[in-house]
C-alpha atoms as a PDB file:
ATOM      1  CA  MET A   1      21.682 127.219  96.368  1.00  0.00           C
ATOM      2  CA  SER A   2      21.972 129.408  93.280  1.00  0.00           C
ATOM      3  CA  LEU A   3      24.486 132.196  92.733  1.00  0.00           C
ATOM      4  CA  LYS A   4      21.649 134.607  91.987  1.00  0.00           C
ATOM      5  CA  THR A   5      20.036 134.021  95.345  1.00  0.00           C
ATOM      6  CA  MET A   6      23.238 134.169  97.396  1.00  0.00           C
ATOM      7  CA  LYS A   7      24.242 137.349  99.189  1.00  0.00           C
ATOM      8  CA  LYS A   8      27.698 138.864  98.755  1.00  0.00           C
ATOM      9  CA  GLU A   9      28.578 137.887 102.336  1.00  0.00           C
ATOM     10  CA  GLU A  10      27.770 134.251 101.593  1.00  0.00           C
ATOM     11  CA  LEU A  11      29.837 134.320  98.412  1.00  0.00           C
ATOM     12  CA  GLU A  12      32.801 135.768 100.277  1.00  0.00           C
ATOM     13  CA  LEU A  13      32.846 132.658 102.460  1.00  0.00           C
ATOM     14  CA  LEU A  14      33.348 130.456  99.402  1.00  0.00           C
ATOM     15  CA  SER A  15      36.664 129.896  97.627  1.00  0.00           C
ATOM     16  CA  ASN A  16      37.121 131.180  94.085  1.00  0.00           C
ATOM     17  CA  LYS A  17      37.200 127.553  92.910  1.00  0.00           C
ATOM     18  CA  ASP A  18      33.826 126.864  94.488  1.00  0.00           C
ATOM     19  CA  ILE A  19      32.316 129.976  92.927  1.00  0.00           C
ATOM     20  CA  ALA A  20      33.798 128.994  89.547  1.00  0.00           C
ATOM     21  CA  PHE A  21      32.269 125.537  89.968  1.00  0.00           C
ATOM     22  CA  MET A  22      28.867 127.090  90.600  1.00  0.00           C
ATOM     23  CA  ILE A  23      29.216 129.456  87.613  1.00  0.00           C
ATOM     24  CA  LEU A  24      30.075 126.581  85.255  1.00  0.00           C
ATOM     25  CA  THR A  25      27.311 124.402  86.702  1.00  0.00           C
ATOM     26  CA  GLU A  26      24.597 127.022  86.436  1.00  0.00           C
ATOM     27  CA  GLY A  27      25.769 128.650  83.226  1.00  0.00           C
ATOM     28  CA  LYS A  28      26.055 125.372  81.335  1.00  0.00           C
ATOM     29  CA  ARG A  29      28.706 126.924  79.081  1.00  0.00           C
ATOM     30  CA  LYS A  30      32.469 126.872  78.941  1.00  0.00           C
ATOM     31  CA  LEU A  31      34.531 129.962  79.837  1.00  0.00           C
ATOM     32  CA  ASN A  32      38.170 130.943  79.532  1.00  0.00           C
ATOM     33  CA  THR A  33      40.172 131.795  82.641  1.00  0.00           C
ATOM     34  CA  ALA A  34      39.846 135.568  82.299  1.00  0.00           C
ATOM     35  CA  ASP A  35      36.087 135.562  81.708  1.00  0.00           C
ATOM     36  CA  LEU A  36      35.485 133.147  84.544  1.00  0.00           C
ATOM     37  CA  TYR A  37      37.590 135.197  86.948  1.00  0.00           C
ATOM     38  CA  ARG A  38      35.919 138.456  85.868  1.00  0.00           C
ATOM     39  CA  LYS A  39      32.522 136.933  86.712  1.00  0.00           C
ATOM     40  CA  ILE A  40      33.832 136.023  90.173  1.00  0.00           C
ATOM     41  CA  MET A  41      35.203 139.538  90.639  1.00  0.00           C
ATOM     42  CA  LYS A  42      31.861 141.010  89.631  1.00  0.00           C
ATOM     43  CA  LEU A  43      29.979 138.764  92.077  1.00  0.00           C
ATOM     44  CA  LEU A  44      32.374 139.687  94.902  1.00  0.00           C
ATOM     45  CA  ASP A  45      32.503 143.334  93.836  1.00  0.00           C
ATOM     46  CA  LEU A  46      36.316 143.361  93.638  1.00  0.00           C
ATOM     47  CA  PRO A  47      38.316 146.194  91.994  1.00  0.00           C
ATOM     48  CA  GLU A  48      39.901 145.728  88.536  1.00  0.00           C
ATOM     49  CA  SER A  49      43.422 145.958  90.028  1.00  0.00           C
ATOM     50  CA  TYR A  50      42.711 142.704  91.841  1.00  0.00           C
ATOM     51  CA  PHE A  51      42.431 140.899  88.484  1.00  0.00           C
ATOM     52  CA  GLU A  52      46.098 141.232  87.502  1.00  0.00           C
ATOM     53  CA  LYS A  53      47.333 140.365  90.979  1.00  0.00           C
ATOM     54  CA  LYS A  54      45.329 137.179  91.398  1.00  0.00           C
ATOM     55  CA  ILE A  55      44.567 135.742  87.934  1.00  0.00           C
ATOM     56  CA  ALA A  56      47.656 133.485  87.950  1.00  0.00           C
ATOM     57  CA  ASP A  57      46.738 132.053  91.352  1.00  0.00           C
ATOM     58  CA  PHE A  58      43.202 131.456  90.140  1.00  0.00           C
ATOM     59  CA  TYR A  59      44.462 129.609  87.046  1.00  0.00           C
ATOM     60  CA  THR A  60      46.715 127.404  89.196  1.00  0.00           C
ATOM     61  CA  ALA A  61      43.848 126.661  91.563  1.00  0.00           C
ATOM     62  CA  LEU A  62      41.637 125.532  88.674  1.00  0.00           C
ATOM     63  CA  ALA A  63      44.414 123.482  87.101  1.00  0.00           C
ATOM     64  CA  THR A  64      45.028 121.555  90.316  1.00  0.00           C
ATOM     65  CA  ASP A  65      41.367 120.978  91.154  1.00  0.00           C
ATOM     66  CA  LYS A  66      40.091 117.707  89.701  1.00  0.00           C
ATOM     67  CA  ARG A  67      36.580 119.081  89.234  1.00  0.00           C
ATOM     68  CA  PHE A  68      37.733 121.244  86.309  1.00  0.00           C
ATOM     69  CA  ILE A  69      39.136 120.442  82.906  1.00  0.00           C
ATOM     70  CA  LEU A  70      40.926 122.791  80.516  1.00  0.00           C
ATOM     71  CA  LEU A  71      39.770 122.111  76.988  1.00  0.00           C
ATOM     72  CA  ASP A  72      41.832 122.409  73.805  1.00  0.00           C
ATOM     73  CA  ASN A  73      40.240 125.767  72.987  1.00  0.00           C
ATOM     74  CA  GLY A  74      41.488 127.254  76.296  1.00  0.00           C
ATOM     75  CA  LYS A  75      38.125 127.201  78.021  1.00  0.00           C
ATOM     76  CA  TRP A  76      37.298 125.639  81.368  1.00  0.00           C
ATOM     77  CA  ASP A  77      34.499 123.169  81.902  1.00  0.00           C
ATOM     78  CA  LEU A  78      33.478 120.687  84.551  1.00  0.00           C
ATOM     79  CA  ARG A  79      35.238 117.345  84.286  1.00  0.00           C
ATOM     80  CA  SER A  80      31.926 115.614  84.983  1.00  0.00           C
ATOM     81  CA  ASN A  81      30.667 116.893  81.602  1.00  0.00           C
ATOM     82  CA  HIS A  82      33.387 114.953  79.763  1.00  0.00           C
ATOM     83  CA  THR A  83      34.161 111.280  79.451  1.00  0.00           C
ATOM     84  CA  SER A  84      37.888 111.658  79.021  1.00  0.00           C
ATOM     85  CA  ASP A  85      38.814 109.147  81.719  1.00  0.00           C
ATOM     86  CA  LYS A  86      38.912 106.386  79.077  1.00  0.00           C
ATOM     87  CA  ILE A  87      41.373 108.391  76.987  1.00  0.00           C
ATOM     88  CA  ILE A  88      43.462 109.178  80.038  1.00  0.00           C
ATOM     89  CA  LYS A  89      43.559 105.526  81.077  1.00  0.00           C
ATOM     90  CA  VAL A  90      44.745 104.458  77.626  1.00  0.00           C
ATOM     91  CA  SER A  91      47.490 107.070  77.607  1.00  0.00           C
ATOM     92  CA  ASP A  92      48.479 106.114  81.165  1.00  0.00           C
ATOM     93  CA  GLU A  93      48.902 102.501  80.036  1.00  0.00           C
ATOM     94  CA  ASP A  94      51.071 103.627  77.117  1.00  0.00           C
ATOM     95  CA  ASP A  95      53.248 105.637  79.483  1.00  0.00           C
ATOM     96  CA  GLU A  96      53.575 102.635  81.781  1.00  0.00           C
ATOM     97  CA  ASP A  97      54.615 100.424  78.856  1.00  0.00           C
ATOM     98  CA  GLU A  98      57.257 102.955  77.823  1.00  0.00           C
ATOM     99  CA  GLU A  99      58.492 103.238  81.407  1.00  0.00           C
ATOM    100  CA  GLN A 100      58.660  99.449  81.731  1.00  0.00           C
ATOM    101  CA  SER A 101      60.615  99.037  78.501  1.00  0.00           C
ATOM    102  CA  GLU A 102      63.021 101.782  79.572  1.00  0.00           C
ATOM    103  CA  ASP A 103      63.435 100.096  82.956  1.00  0.00           C
ATOM    104  CA  GLU A 104      64.035  96.734  81.289  1.00  0.00           C
ATOM    105  CA  GLU A 105      66.666  98.256  78.995  1.00  0.00           C
ATOM    106  CA  GLU A 106      68.439  99.830  81.969  1.00  0.00           C
ATOM    107  CA  LYS A 107      68.403  96.527  83.859  1.00  0.00           C
ATOM    108  CA  GLN A 108      69.839  94.682  80.862  1.00  0.00           C
ATOM    109  CA  GLU A 109      72.601  97.261  80.495  1.00  0.00           C
ATOM    110  CA  GLU A 110      73.399  96.985  84.208  1.00  0.00           C
ATOM    111  CA  GLU A 111      73.503  93.182  83.998  1.00  0.00           C
ATOM    112  CA  ILE A 112      75.879  93.340  81.044  1.00  0.00           C
ATOM    113  CA  GLU A 113      78.140  95.726  82.928  1.00  0.00           C
ATOM    114  CA  GLU A 114      77.992  93.582  86.065  1.00  0.00           C
ATOM    115  CA  ASP A 115      78.730  90.406  84.105  1.00  0.00           C
ATOM    116  CA  SER A 116      81.781  91.872  82.434  1.00  0.00           C
ATOM    117  CA  PHE A 117      82.975  93.286  85.753  1.00  0.00           C
ATOM    118  CA  ASP A 118      82.406  89.974  87.518  1.00  0.00           C
ATOM    119  CA  ASP A 119      84.446  88.097  84.883  1.00  0.00           C
ATOM    120  CA  LYS A 120      87.448  90.341  85.393  1.00  0.00           C
ATOM    121  CA  GLU A 121      87.088  90.074  89.136  1.00  0.00           C
ATOM    122  CA  ASP A 122      86.849  86.270  88.953  1.00  0.00           C
ATOM    123  CA  GLU A 123      90.030  86.027  86.873  1.00  0.00           C
ATOM    124  CA  GLU A 124      91.929  88.165  89.356  1.00  0.00           C
ATOM    125  CA  TYR A 125      90.556  86.115  92.255  1.00  0.00           C
ATOM    126  CA  ASP A 126      91.510  82.840  90.573  1.00  0.00           C
ATOM    127  CA  GLU A 127      95.097  84.014  90.014  1.00  0.00           C
ATOM    128  CA  ASP A 128      95.467  85.173  93.619  1.00  0.00           C
ATOM    129  CA  THR A 129      93.939  82.004  95.005  1.00  0.00           C
ATOM    130  CA  ASN A 130      96.089  79.746  92.846  1.00  0.00           C
ATOM    131  CA  GLU A 131      99.230  81.548  93.985  1.00  0.00           C
ATOM    132  CA  GLU A 132      98.304  81.178  97.641  1.00  0.00           C
ATOM    133  CA  LEU A 133      97.283  77.533  97.361  1.00  0.00           C
ATOM    134  CA  LYS A 134     100.190  76.200  95.299  1.00  0.00           C
ATOM    135  CA  ASP A 135     102.191  75.051  98.359  1.00  0.00           C
ATOM    136  CA  LEU A 136      99.289  73.325 100.080  1.00  0.00           C
ATOM    137  CA  VAL A 137      98.923  69.560 100.080  1.00  0.00           C
ATOM    138  CA  VAL A 138      95.616  67.720 100.324  1.00  0.00           C
ATOM    139  CA  ILE A 139      95.565  64.945 102.894  1.00  0.00           C
ATOM    140  CA  ASP A 140      92.879  62.304 103.052  1.00  0.00           C
ATOM    141  CA  GLU A 141      91.643  61.774 106.628  1.00  0.00           C
ATOM    142  CA  ASP A 142      91.029  58.071 106.042  1.00  0.00           C
ATOM    143  CA  GLU A 143      94.670  57.587 105.128  1.00  0.00           C
ATOM    144  CA  MET A 144      95.779  59.467 108.253  1.00  0.00           C
ATOM    145  CA  GLU A 145      93.798  57.098 110.472  1.00  0.00           C
ATOM    146  CA  LEU A 146      95.319  54.075 108.806  1.00  0.00           C
ATOM    147  CA  GLU A 147      98.836  55.324 109.377  1.00  0.00           C
ATOM    148  CA  GLU A 148      98.341  55.813 113.081  1.00  0.00           C
END
């Protein structure tokens, strides 16, 4: 159904995001946030005071909806009109590599700290154990049986 053929009552049932989607689909041109929202206001016959109150919410709604993409020039378009998923995938892989190398560095630092801590702990344990065991005598069970 086209925006031109829809009644105001039908448009009021749609969300602003859905109306924006229809505007960008039918208009086949990119629009900035303000122009796109003004078109919606005109279609819904909303007062100008409504613009300042709701423009930020409208922007957030577009930014979080995966159907829309904000271009470098500040204009909105439909994501389906762009093949940026390859670029996004490449940059996602780069981010993952950076995250992995940071994680590996942190693990290595932790292992170094643990190793140095363990060495000190082992030395203290050895000293305590040696002190406790110095009076003990080892007896061979085979020799005990022979004596009896």
